[in-house]
Amino acid sequence: MKYMKLKKLFAFAVVFSFALPQMSMLAKAATTKAATVIVSASVSYANWDANKAYVSGDTVNYEGKNYKAKWWTQGDKPGSADVWELIGTAPSNPSNNTYAAWDSSKAYVSGDIVSYQNSNYKAKWWTQGDKPGSADVWELIGAGPTNPTNPTNPTNPTTPSVSKPAEAPNDIWGYALNADNKFGKNGDFALLICAVIKKECNYGAGLGGSPSSGDGLMQVEPNTRNAYSSEFQSTYGHAYNHSNLQDQVYMGSMIINDNITQFGNIYNGLLHYNGGPNWYPGATDSYGRPILADQYANAVYATYKSYGGKN
């Protein structure tokens, strides 16, 4: 309908430019605008591939229309699945090498590109309210897109080399991939994060009504969150927000990554994620109850391997 209106405006302006010379500038403006639309419509994105995994922000072309992924997806047909957002028959900004202006109230994920003060920036990980040029989360990429065929996510940094676990919800898988991308694990760490979330809360299904429901998807207790708040700020470029599910996953992932680094491998990292940094076989809590971190690690590690974990 947009193109029909433009054509009518163009025709109207041309006719009246002959009858009313004083309206010639209107006809000229309409001609210029119509020409711009035609140029934009000639640009398209890569065709959708049913066998390829896409993440939030990826853009594809399917049957002459362009779609943007809202979250992780594979095999969901554009135009039929809610995961795909129709963005028109041409990219929104390919013809003038500009992107949408940064919006302080909007949440961005890894790979999103914005324009701010005549420069373009790409998000390295999830962010909201962090000003481009001032926060480490934004990477300056210059005055134009690095890949005009996919300006939303030009390098596709979060496409994993692993497959989403079938039982993992798409949104949680997306949170895990964002955390994985932050630590450069190429997908394998996302599998581990999902295995932890399954053990801790059964992907959120076990939170309702439980005594620890307030501790979130990865069950990081308040004292632990407070202890890691400064590291979280420096790692992700914003203060921790416990009401944000992505931040819950970011916090737990950061702690797990620290433990893996400190204790040498994934299994030992899981032992101390559950039992604390000073855990040892036979350790007890303040009530004298045994801390069964070995059983926890066994269960999570088995799930991780069943998901295709490689380490």
C-alpha atoms as a PDB file:
ATOM      1  CA  MET A   1       0.000   0.000   0.000  1.00  0.00           C
ATOM      2  CA  LYS A   2       2.915   2.369   0.683  1.00  0.00           C
ATOM      3  CA  TYR A   3       4.125   2.147  -2.906  1.00  0.00           C
ATOM      4  CA  MET A   4       0.588   2.721  -4.316  1.00  0.00           C
ATOM      5  CA  LYS A   5       0.275   5.913  -2.294  1.00  0.00           C
ATOM      6  CA  LEU A   6       3.633   7.158  -3.509  1.00  0.00           C
ATOM      7  CA  LYS A   7       2.695   6.464  -7.114  1.00  0.00           C
ATOM      8  CA  LYS A   8      -0.591   8.354  -6.698  1.00  0.00           C
ATOM      9  CA  LEU A   9       1.225  11.272  -5.101  1.00  0.00           C
ATOM     10  CA  PHE A  10       3.736  11.270  -7.956  1.00  0.00           C
ATOM     11  CA  ALA A  11       0.974  11.221 -10.598  1.00  0.00           C
ATOM     12  CA  PHE A  12      -0.963  13.936  -8.829  1.00  0.00           C
ATOM     13  CA  ALA A  13       2.117  16.149  -8.569  1.00  0.00           C
ATOM     14  CA  VAL A  14       3.076  15.673 -12.232  1.00  0.00           C
ATOM     15  CA  VAL A  15      -0.428  16.509 -13.514  1.00  0.00           C
ATOM     16  CA  PHE A  16      -0.744  19.634 -11.444  1.00  0.00           C
ATOM     17  CA  SER A  17       2.781  20.790 -12.215  1.00  0.00           C
ATOM     18  CA  PHE A  18       1.574  21.462 -15.766  1.00  0.00           C
ATOM     19  CA  ALA A  19      -1.665  23.114 -14.648  1.00  0.00           C
ATOM     20  CA  LEU A  20      -0.232  25.012 -11.708  1.00  0.00           C
ATOM     21  CA  PRO A  21       3.391  26.024 -12.223  1.00  0.00           C
ATOM     22  CA  GLN A  22       3.696  27.147  -8.624  1.00  0.00           C
ATOM     23  CA  MET A  23       3.381  23.468  -7.563  1.00  0.00           C
ATOM     24  CA  SER A  24       6.350  22.269  -9.637  1.00  0.00           C
ATOM     25  CA  MET A  25       8.501  21.854  -6.531  1.00  0.00           C
ATOM     26  CA  LEU A  26       5.980  19.357  -5.137  1.00  0.00           C
ATOM     27  CA  ALA A  27       6.200  17.243  -8.277  1.00  0.00           C
ATOM     28  CA  LYS A  28       9.999  17.343  -8.122  1.00  0.00           C
ATOM     29  CA  ALA A  29      10.013  16.210  -4.494  1.00  0.00           C
ATOM     30  CA  ALA A  30       7.616  13.361  -5.221  1.00  0.00           C
ATOM     31  CA  THR A  31       9.791  12.213  -8.141  1.00  0.00           C
ATOM     32  CA  THR A  32      12.890  12.144  -5.922  1.00  0.00           C
ATOM     33  CA  LYS A  33      11.123  10.213  -3.176  1.00  0.00           C
ATOM     34  CA  ALA A  34       9.734   7.637  -5.582  1.00  0.00           C
ATOM     35  CA  ALA A  35      13.186   7.090  -7.077  1.00  0.00           C
ATOM     36  CA  THR A  36      14.649   6.499  -3.602  1.00  0.00           C
ATOM     37  CA  VAL A  37      12.097   3.810  -2.847  1.00  0.00           C
ATOM     38  CA  ILE A  38      12.917   1.991  -6.086  1.00  0.00           C
ATOM     39  CA  VAL A  39      16.637   1.964  -5.281  1.00  0.00           C
ATOM     40  CA  SER A  40      16.013   0.615  -1.762  1.00  0.00           C
ATOM     41  CA  ALA A  41      13.734  -2.134  -3.019  1.00  0.00           C
ATOM     42  CA  SER A  42      16.517  -3.565  -5.151  1.00  0.00           C
ATOM     43  CA  VAL A  43      18.559  -4.604  -2.097  1.00  0.00           C
ATOM     44  CA  SER A  44      17.898  -7.916  -0.335  1.00  0.00           C
ATOM     45  CA  TYR A  45      19.300 -10.202   2.344  1.00  0.00           C
ATOM     46  CA  ALA A  46      20.552 -13.769   2.154  1.00  0.00           C
ATOM     47  CA  ASN A  47      17.828 -16.348   1.528  1.00  0.00           C
ATOM     48  CA  TRP A  48      16.445 -18.199   4.550  1.00  0.00           C
ATOM     49  CA  ASP A  49      18.059 -21.623   5.049  1.00  0.00           C
ATOM     50  CA  ALA A  50      15.960 -24.209   6.888  1.00  0.00           C
ATOM     51  CA  ASN A  51      19.111 -25.988   8.087  1.00  0.00           C
ATOM     52  CA  LYS A  52      20.817 -22.910   9.504  1.00  0.00           C
ATOM     53  CA  ALA A  53      20.512 -21.635  13.074  1.00  0.00           C
ATOM     54  CA  TYR A  54      19.688 -17.946  13.420  1.00  0.00           C
ATOM     55  CA  VAL A  55      19.914 -15.734  16.496  1.00  0.00           C
ATOM     56  CA  SER A  56      18.203 -12.530  17.569  1.00  0.00           C
ATOM     57  CA  GLY A  57      18.779  -9.778  15.011  1.00  0.00           C
ATOM     58  CA  ASP A  58      19.636 -12.014  12.050  1.00  0.00           C
ATOM     59  CA  THR A  59      17.841 -10.963   8.871  1.00  0.00           C
ATOM     60  CA  VAL A  60      16.824 -13.162   5.926  1.00  0.00           C
ATOM     61  CA  ASN A  61      14.916 -12.981   2.679  1.00  0.00           C
ATOM     62  CA  TYR A  62      12.068 -15.418   2.070  1.00  0.00           C
ATOM     63  CA  GLU A  63       9.691 -15.349  -0.898  1.00  0.00           C
ATOM     64  CA  GLY A  64      10.473 -11.727  -1.688  1.00  0.00           C
ATOM     65  CA  LYS A  65      10.106 -10.452   1.880  1.00  0.00           C
ATOM     66  CA  ASN A  66      12.660  -9.678   4.572  1.00  0.00           C
ATOM     67  CA  TYR A  67      12.364 -10.984   8.113  1.00  0.00           C
ATOM     68  CA  LYS A  68      14.324 -10.379  11.330  1.00  0.00           C
ATOM     69  CA  ALA A  69      14.736 -13.088  13.995  1.00  0.00           C
ATOM     70  CA  LYS A  70      13.456 -12.153  17.454  1.00  0.00           C
ATOM     71  CA  TRP A  71      15.347 -14.976  19.168  1.00  0.00           C
ATOM     72  CA  TRP A  72      17.192 -18.206  18.349  1.00  0.00           C
ATOM     73  CA  THR A  73      15.522 -20.320  15.689  1.00  0.00           C
ATOM     74  CA  GLN A  74      16.200 -23.164  13.303  1.00  0.00           C
ATOM     75  CA  GLY A  75      13.768 -24.587  10.774  1.00  0.00           C
ATOM     76  CA  ASP A  76      10.942 -22.166  11.637  1.00  0.00           C
ATOM     77  CA  LYS A  77       9.632 -20.776   8.349  1.00  0.00           C
ATOM     78  CA  PRO A  78       9.471 -16.969   8.012  1.00  0.00           C
ATOM     79  CA  GLY A  79       5.916 -15.792   7.656  1.00  0.00           C
ATOM     80  CA  SER A  80       4.596 -18.813   9.547  1.00  0.00           C
ATOM     81  CA  ALA A  81       6.463 -18.692  12.886  1.00  0.00           C
ATOM     82  CA  ASP A  82       6.229 -15.935  15.502  1.00  0.00           C
ATOM     83  CA  VAL A  83      10.021 -15.888  15.869  1.00  0.00           C
ATOM     84  CA  TRP A  84      10.303 -13.973  12.582  1.00  0.00           C
ATOM     85  CA  GLU A  85       9.374 -10.283  12.363  1.00  0.00           C
ATOM     86  CA  LEU A  86       8.430  -8.996   8.911  1.00  0.00           C
ATOM     87  CA  ILE A  87      10.487  -5.878   8.169  1.00  0.00           C
ATOM     88  CA  GLY A  88       9.347  -5.269   4.584  1.00  0.00           C
ATOM     89  CA  THR A  89      10.538  -5.950   1.082  1.00  0.00           C
ATOM     90  CA  ALA A  90      13.871  -4.154   1.499  1.00  0.00           C
ATOM     91  CA  PRO A  91      16.344  -3.463   4.318  1.00  0.00           C
ATOM     92  CA  SER A  92      15.509  -0.369   6.293  1.00  0.00           C
ATOM     93  CA  ASN A  93      18.844   1.397   5.858  1.00  0.00           C
ATOM     94  CA  PRO A  94      20.962  -0.065   3.032  1.00  0.00           C
ATOM     95  CA  SER A  95      20.811   2.851   0.621  1.00  0.00           C
ATOM     96  CA  ASN A  96      22.239   5.579   2.826  1.00  0.00           C
ATOM     97  CA  ASN A  97      24.603   3.567   5.060  1.00  0.00           C
ATOM     98  CA  THR A  98      22.911   4.703   8.265  1.00  0.00           C
ATOM     99  CA  TYR A  99      21.296   2.766  11.093  1.00  0.00           C
ATOM    100  CA  ALA A 100      18.515   3.509  13.535  1.00  0.00           C
ATOM    101  CA  ALA A 101      19.464   6.040  16.198  1.00  0.00           C
ATOM    102  CA  TRP A 102      20.452   4.638  19.588  1.00  0.00           C
ATOM    103  CA  ASP A 103      17.506   4.565  22.011  1.00  0.00           C
ATOM    104  CA  SER A 104      18.413   4.639  25.715  1.00  0.00           C
ATOM    105  CA  SER A 105      15.171   2.853  26.635  1.00  0.00           C
ATOM    106  CA  LYS A 106      15.660  -0.038  24.203  1.00  0.00           C
ATOM    107  CA  ALA A 107      17.456  -3.301  24.971  1.00  0.00           C
ATOM    108  CA  TYR A 108      20.065  -4.402  22.435  1.00  0.00           C
ATOM    109  CA  VAL A 109      21.758  -7.788  22.021  1.00  0.00           C
ATOM    110  CA  SER A 110      25.094  -8.867  20.645  1.00  0.00           C
ATOM    111  CA  GLY A 111      25.452  -7.823  16.992  1.00  0.00           C
ATOM    112  CA  ASP A 112      22.869  -5.018  16.996  1.00  0.00           C
ATOM    113  CA  ILE A 113      24.084  -1.821  15.306  1.00  0.00           C
ATOM    114  CA  VAL A 114      23.006   1.740  16.098  1.00  0.00           C
ATOM    115  CA  SER A 115      23.881   5.263  15.043  1.00  0.00           C
ATOM    116  CA  TYR A 116      24.933   7.790  17.663  1.00  0.00           C
ATOM    117  CA  GLN A 117      26.412  11.243  17.066  1.00  0.00           C
ATOM    118  CA  ASN A 118      27.287  10.502  13.431  1.00  0.00           C
ATOM    119  CA  SER A 119      29.059   7.228  14.229  1.00  0.00           C
ATOM    120  CA  ASN A 120      27.886   3.607  14.083  1.00  0.00           C
ATOM    121  CA  TYR A 121      28.354   1.201  16.963  1.00  0.00           C
ATOM    122  CA  LYS A 122      27.865  -2.572  17.308  1.00  0.00           C
ATOM    123  CA  ALA A 123      26.761  -4.153  20.602  1.00  0.00           C
ATOM    124  CA  LYS A 124      29.142  -6.787  21.962  1.00  0.00           C
ATOM    125  CA  TRP A 125      26.558  -8.227  24.349  1.00  0.00           C
ATOM    126  CA  TRP A 126      23.195  -7.341  25.903  1.00  0.00           C
ATOM    127  CA  THR A 127      22.846  -3.710  26.881  1.00  0.00           C
ATOM    128  CA  GLN A 128      20.257  -1.128  27.801  1.00  0.00           C
ATOM    129  CA  GLY A 129      20.901   2.508  28.629  1.00  0.00           C
ATOM    130  CA  ASP A 130      24.680   2.295  28.090  1.00  0.00           C
ATOM    131  CA  LYS A 131      25.718   5.197  25.879  1.00  0.00           C
ATOM    132  CA  PRO A 132      27.677   4.346  22.698  1.00  0.00           C
ATOM    133  CA  GLY A 133      31.148   5.813  22.844  1.00  0.00           C
ATOM    134  CA  SER A 134      31.166   5.732  26.646  1.00  0.00           C
ATOM    135  CA  ALA A 135      30.456   2.099  27.520  1.00  0.00           C
ATOM    136  CA  ASP A 136      32.667  -0.869  26.632  1.00  0.00           C
ATOM    137  CA  VAL A 137      29.642  -2.819  25.423  1.00  0.00           C
ATOM    138  CA  TRP A 138      29.625  -0.742  22.207  1.00  0.00           C
ATOM    139  CA  GLU A 139      32.237  -1.259  19.476  1.00  0.00           C
ATOM    140  CA  LEU A 140      32.834   1.671  17.126  1.00  0.00           C
ATOM    141  CA  ILE A 141      32.570   0.430  13.534  1.00  0.00           C
ATOM    142  CA  GLY A 142      32.840   3.756  11.726  1.00  0.00           C
ATOM    143  CA  ALA A 143      30.491   5.860   9.681  1.00  0.00           C
ATOM    144  CA  GLY A 144      28.924   3.015   7.699  1.00  0.00           C
ATOM    145  CA  PRO A 145      27.955  -0.660   8.039  1.00  0.00           C
ATOM    146  CA  THR A 146      30.659  -3.296   7.799  1.00  0.00           C
ATOM    147  CA  ASN A 147      28.409  -5.611   5.795  1.00  0.00           C
ATOM    148  CA  PRO A 148      25.515  -3.995   3.875  1.00  0.00           C
ATOM    149  CA  THR A 149      23.910  -7.360   3.153  1.00  0.00           C
ATOM    150  CA  ASN A 150      23.050  -7.771   6.837  1.00  0.00           C
ATOM    151  CA  PRO A 151      23.265  -4.452   8.680  1.00  0.00           C
ATOM    152  CA  THR A 152      21.504  -5.752  11.782  1.00  0.00           C
ATOM    153  CA  ASN A 153      24.140  -8.379  12.507  1.00  0.00           C
ATOM    154  CA  PRO A 154      26.925  -8.099   9.908  1.00  0.00           C
ATOM    155  CA  THR A 155      29.389 -10.624  11.268  1.00  0.00           C
ATOM    156  CA  ASN A 156      26.841 -12.882  12.991  1.00  0.00           C
ATOM    157  CA  PRO A 157      29.097 -13.330  16.047  1.00  0.00           C
ATOM    158  CA  THR A 158      26.626 -15.345  18.102  1.00  0.00           C
ATOM    159  CA  THR A 159      25.826 -18.106  15.608  1.00  0.00           C
ATOM    160  CA  PRO A 160      26.902 -21.203  17.564  1.00  0.00           C
ATOM    161  CA  SER A 161      28.722 -24.295  16.373  1.00  0.00           C
ATOM    162  CA  VAL A 162      26.315 -26.415  18.453  1.00  0.00           C
ATOM    163  CA  SER A 163      22.586 -27.119  18.327  1.00  0.00           C
ATOM    164  CA  LYS A 164      19.997 -25.893  20.799  1.00  0.00           C
ATOM    165  CA  PRO A 165      18.941 -28.596  23.276  1.00  0.00           C
ATOM    166  CA  ALA A 166      15.429 -29.625  22.319  1.00  0.00           C
ATOM    167  CA  GLU A 167      14.072 -29.050  25.827  1.00  0.00           C
ATOM    168  CA  ALA A 168      15.614 -25.587  26.235  1.00  0.00           C
ATOM    169  CA  PRO A 169      13.147 -22.721  25.634  1.00  0.00           C
ATOM    170  CA  ASN A 170      14.179 -20.390  22.831  1.00  0.00           C
ATOM    171  CA  ASP A 171      14.480 -17.330  25.074  1.00  0.00           C
ATOM    172  CA  ILE A 172      16.714 -19.088  27.616  1.00  0.00           C
ATOM    173  CA  TRP A 173      18.846 -20.495  24.818  1.00  0.00           C
ATOM    174  CA  GLY A 174      19.242 -16.953  23.533  1.00  0.00           C
ATOM    175  CA  TYR A 175      20.333 -15.724  26.988  1.00  0.00           C
ATOM    176  CA  ALA A 176      22.854 -18.565  27.181  1.00  0.00           C
ATOM    177  CA  LEU A 177      24.228 -17.789  23.720  1.00  0.00           C
ATOM    178  CA  ASN A 178      24.726 -14.139  24.640  1.00  0.00           C
ATOM    179  CA  ALA A 179      26.731 -15.179  27.707  1.00  0.00           C
ATOM    180  CA  ASP A 180      28.669 -17.736  25.666  1.00  0.00           C
ATOM    181  CA  ASN A 181      29.541 -15.066  23.128  1.00  0.00           C
ATOM    182  CA  LYS A 182      30.858 -12.781  25.865  1.00  0.00           C
ATOM    183  CA  PHE A 183      33.384 -15.413  26.921  1.00  0.00           C
ATOM    184  CA  GLY A 184      34.201 -16.575  23.392  1.00  0.00           C
ATOM    185  CA  LYS A 185      33.207 -20.230  23.850  1.00  0.00           C
ATOM    186  CA  ASN A 186      31.632 -20.742  20.400  1.00  0.00           C
ATOM    187  CA  GLY A 187      28.476 -22.396  21.719  1.00  0.00           C
ATOM    188  CA  ASP A 188      29.790 -25.078  24.064  1.00  0.00           C
ATOM    189  CA  PHE A 189      29.484 -22.866  27.141  1.00  0.00           C
ATOM    190  CA  ALA A 190      25.846 -22.179  26.238  1.00  0.00           C
ATOM    191  CA  LEU A 191      25.178 -25.912  26.530  1.00  0.00           C
ATOM    192  CA  LEU A 192      26.711 -25.929  30.007  1.00  0.00           C
ATOM    193  CA  ILE A 193      24.660 -22.912  31.077  1.00  0.00           C
ATOM    194  CA  CYS A 194      21.470 -24.625  29.912  1.00  0.00           C
ATOM    195  CA  ALA A 195      22.417 -27.755  31.839  1.00  0.00           C
ATOM    196  CA  VAL A 196      22.863 -25.663  34.999  1.00  0.00           C
ATOM    197  CA  ILE A 197      19.538 -23.867  34.487  1.00  0.00           C
ATOM    198  CA  LYS A 198      17.794 -27.207  34.019  1.00  0.00           C
ATOM    199  CA  LYS A 199      19.252 -28.513  37.277  1.00  0.00           C
ATOM    200  CA  GLU A 200      18.579 -25.339  39.229  1.00  0.00           C
ATOM    201  CA  CYS A 201      14.996 -24.619  38.186  1.00  0.00           C
ATOM    202  CA  ASN A 202      13.973 -26.894  35.295  1.00  0.00           C
ATOM    203  CA  TYR A 203      14.127 -23.951  32.879  1.00  0.00           C
ATOM    204  CA  GLY A 204      12.048 -21.781  35.177  1.00  0.00           C
ATOM    205  CA  ALA A 205       9.235 -24.293  35.673  1.00  0.00           C
ATOM    206  CA  GLY A 206      10.460 -25.124  39.180  1.00  0.00           C
ATOM    207  CA  LEU A 207      10.569 -21.538  40.427  1.00  0.00           C
ATOM    208  CA  GLY A 208       6.877 -20.931  41.074  1.00  0.00           C
ATOM    209  CA  GLY A 209       6.129 -21.265  44.781  1.00  0.00           C
ATOM    210  CA  SER A 210       9.563 -22.638  45.682  1.00  0.00           C
ATOM    211  CA  PRO A 211      11.393 -21.197  48.725  1.00  0.00           C
ATOM    212  CA  SER A 212      14.221 -20.029  46.468  1.00  0.00           C
ATOM    213  CA  SER A 213      12.063 -18.689  43.641  1.00  0.00           C
ATOM    214  CA  GLY A 214      13.517 -15.234  44.149  1.00  0.00           C
ATOM    215  CA  ASP A 215      17.035 -16.420  43.340  1.00  0.00           C
ATOM    216  CA  GLY A 216      16.246 -16.715  39.642  1.00  0.00           C
ATOM    217  CA  LEU A 217      17.087 -19.043  36.793  1.00  0.00           C
ATOM    218  CA  MET A 218      20.572 -19.902  38.036  1.00  0.00           C
ATOM    219  CA  GLN A 219      19.825 -19.720  41.772  1.00  0.00           C
ATOM    220  CA  VAL A 220      22.503 -17.201  42.695  1.00  0.00           C
ATOM    221  CA  GLU A 221      21.771 -16.118  46.255  1.00  0.00           C
ATOM    222  CA  PRO A 222      21.626 -12.413  47.268  1.00  0.00           C
ATOM    223  CA  ASN A 223      24.909 -12.425  49.202  1.00  0.00           C
ATOM    224  CA  THR A 224      26.696 -13.978  46.241  1.00  0.00           C
ATOM    225  CA  ARG A 225      25.132 -11.491  43.817  1.00  0.00           C
ATOM    226  CA  ASN A 226      26.299  -8.627  45.995  1.00  0.00           C
ATOM    227  CA  ALA A 227      29.817 -10.046  46.219  1.00  0.00           C
ATOM    228  CA  TYR A 228      30.061 -10.235  42.433  1.00  0.00           C
ATOM    229  CA  SER A 229      28.310  -6.933  41.643  1.00  0.00           C
ATOM    230  CA  SER A 230      31.493  -4.998  40.836  1.00  0.00           C
ATOM    231  CA  GLU A 231      32.828  -7.751  38.596  1.00  0.00           C
ATOM    232  CA  PHE A 232      29.466  -7.907  36.849  1.00  0.00           C
ATOM    233  CA  GLN A 233      29.565  -4.151  36.168  1.00  0.00           C
ATOM    234  CA  SER A 234      33.072  -4.303  34.731  1.00  0.00           C
ATOM    235  CA  THR A 235      32.343  -7.440  32.680  1.00  0.00           C
ATOM    236  CA  TYR A 236      29.048  -6.426  31.103  1.00  0.00           C
ATOM    237  CA  GLY A 237      29.175  -2.629  31.237  1.00  0.00           C
ATOM    238  CA  HIS A 238      26.027  -2.126  33.319  1.00  0.00           C
ATOM    239  CA  ALA A 239      24.805  -2.682  36.859  1.00  0.00           C
ATOM    240  CA  TYR A 240      23.163  -5.993  37.689  1.00  0.00           C
ATOM    241  CA  ASN A 241      19.357  -6.005  37.457  1.00  0.00           C
ATOM    242  CA  HIS A 242      17.913  -9.080  39.146  1.00  0.00           C
ATOM    243  CA  SER A 243      14.504  -8.591  37.544  1.00  0.00           C
ATOM    244  CA  ASN A 244      16.135  -9.059  34.129  1.00  0.00           C
ATOM    245  CA  LEU A 245      16.365 -12.724  33.085  1.00  0.00           C
ATOM    246  CA  GLN A 246      19.348 -12.054  30.826  1.00  0.00           C
ATOM    247  CA  ASP A 247      21.227 -10.555  33.768  1.00  0.00           C
ATOM    248  CA  GLN A 248      20.379 -13.595  35.894  1.00  0.00           C
ATOM    249  CA  VAL A 249      22.005 -15.789  33.277  1.00  0.00           C
ATOM    250  CA  TYR A 250      24.907 -13.381  32.852  1.00  0.00           C
ATOM    251  CA  MET A 251      25.612 -13.411  36.601  1.00  0.00           C
ATOM    252  CA  GLY A 252      25.544 -17.199  36.951  1.00  0.00           C
ATOM    253  CA  SER A 253      27.580 -17.648  33.777  1.00  0.00           C
ATOM    254  CA  MET A 254      30.249 -15.243  34.977  1.00  0.00           C
ATOM    255  CA  ILE A 255      30.590 -17.093  38.286  1.00  0.00           C
ATOM    256  CA  ILE A 256      30.772 -20.469  36.551  1.00  0.00           C
ATOM    257  CA  ASN A 257      33.398 -19.157  34.153  1.00  0.00           C
ATOM    258  CA  ASP A 258      35.441 -17.821  37.092  1.00  0.00           C
ATOM    259  CA  ASN A 259      35.264 -21.200  38.823  1.00  0.00           C
ATOM    260  CA  ILE A 260      36.253 -23.090  35.687  1.00  0.00           C
ATOM    261  CA  THR A 261      39.245 -20.793  35.287  1.00  0.00           C
ATOM    262  CA  GLN A 262      40.229 -21.079  38.947  1.00  0.00           C
ATOM    263  CA  PHE A 263      39.741 -24.819  39.394  1.00  0.00           C
ATOM    264  CA  GLY A 264      40.921 -26.014  36.015  1.00  0.00           C
ATOM    265  CA  ASN A 265      37.974 -27.652  34.245  1.00  0.00           C
ATOM    266  CA  ILE A 266      34.210 -27.710  33.852  1.00  0.00           C
ATOM    267  CA  TYR A 267      33.562 -30.456  36.390  1.00  0.00           C
ATOM    268  CA  ASN A 268      35.571 -28.777  39.138  1.00  0.00           C
ATOM    269  CA  GLY A 269      33.957 -25.469  38.237  1.00  0.00           C
ATOM    270  CA  LEU A 270      30.533 -27.014  38.811  1.00  0.00           C
ATOM    271  CA  LEU A 271      31.629 -28.443  42.167  1.00  0.00           C
ATOM    272  CA  HIS A 272      32.522 -24.985  43.443  1.00  0.00           C
ATOM    273  CA  TYR A 273      29.606 -23.208  41.766  1.00  0.00           C
ATOM    274  CA  ASN A 274      27.357 -25.339  43.940  1.00  0.00           C
ATOM    275  CA  GLY A 275      29.543 -25.894  47.005  1.00  0.00           C
ATOM    276  CA  GLY A 276      31.386 -22.590  47.147  1.00  0.00           C
ATOM    277  CA  PRO A 277      35.075 -21.789  46.666  1.00  0.00           C
ATOM    278  CA  ASN A 278      36.134 -23.716  49.785  1.00  0.00           C
ATOM    279  CA  TRP A 279      34.173 -26.885  49.128  1.00  0.00           C
ATOM    280  CA  TYR A 280      35.839 -30.256  49.717  1.00  0.00           C
ATOM    281  CA  PRO A 281      34.478 -33.824  49.888  1.00  0.00           C
ATOM    282  CA  GLY A 282      32.645 -34.229  53.191  1.00  0.00           C
ATOM    283  CA  ALA A 283      32.086 -30.497  53.684  1.00  0.00           C
ATOM    284  CA  THR A 284      28.990 -29.477  55.664  1.00  0.00           C
ATOM    285  CA  ASP A 285      26.932 -26.304  55.901  1.00  0.00           C
ATOM    286  CA  SER A 286      26.346 -24.200  59.022  1.00  0.00           C
ATOM    287  CA  TYR A 287      23.629 -26.657  60.106  1.00  0.00           C
ATOM    288  CA  GLY A 288      25.940 -29.645  59.835  1.00  0.00           C
ATOM    289  CA  ARG A 289      24.285 -30.959  56.676  1.00  0.00           C
ATOM    290  CA  PRO A 290      26.559 -32.423  54.000  1.00  0.00           C
ATOM    291  CA  ILE A 291      27.067 -30.257  50.930  1.00  0.00           C
ATOM    292  CA  LEU A 292      26.552 -32.699  48.075  1.00  0.00           C
ATOM    293  CA  ALA A 293      28.315 -30.671  45.409  1.00  0.00           C
ATOM    294  CA  ASP A 294      29.698 -33.854  43.836  1.00  0.00           C
ATOM    295  CA  GLN A 295      26.179 -35.147  43.182  1.00  0.00           C
ATOM    296  CA  TYR A 296      25.234 -31.748  41.741  1.00  0.00           C
ATOM    297  CA  ALA A 297      28.267 -31.691  39.455  1.00  0.00           C
ATOM    298  CA  ASN A 298      27.638 -35.269  38.313  1.00  0.00           C
ATOM    299  CA  ALA A 299      24.058 -34.467  37.316  1.00  0.00           C
ATOM    300  CA  VAL A 300      24.832 -31.188  35.540  1.00  0.00           C
ATOM    301  CA  TYR A 301      27.861 -32.575  33.737  1.00  0.00           C
ATOM    302  CA  ALA A 302      25.852 -35.572  32.496  1.00  0.00           C
ATOM    303  CA  THR A 303      23.168 -33.237  31.114  1.00  0.00           C
ATOM    304  CA  TYR A 304      25.807 -31.049  29.480  1.00  0.00           C
ATOM    305  CA  LYS A 305      27.347 -34.063  27.750  1.00  0.00           C
ATOM    306  CA  SER A 306      23.911 -35.279  26.626  1.00  0.00           C
ATOM    307  CA  TYR A 307      23.412 -31.888  24.988  1.00  0.00           C
ATOM    308  CA  GLY A 308      26.593 -32.418  22.993  1.00  0.00           C
ATOM    309  CA  GLY A 309      29.112 -30.793  25.333  1.00  0.00           C
ATOM    310  CA  LYS A 310      32.661 -31.261  24.119  1.00  0.00           C
ATOM    311  CA  ASN A 311      34.806 -30.712  27.220  1.00  0.00           C
END
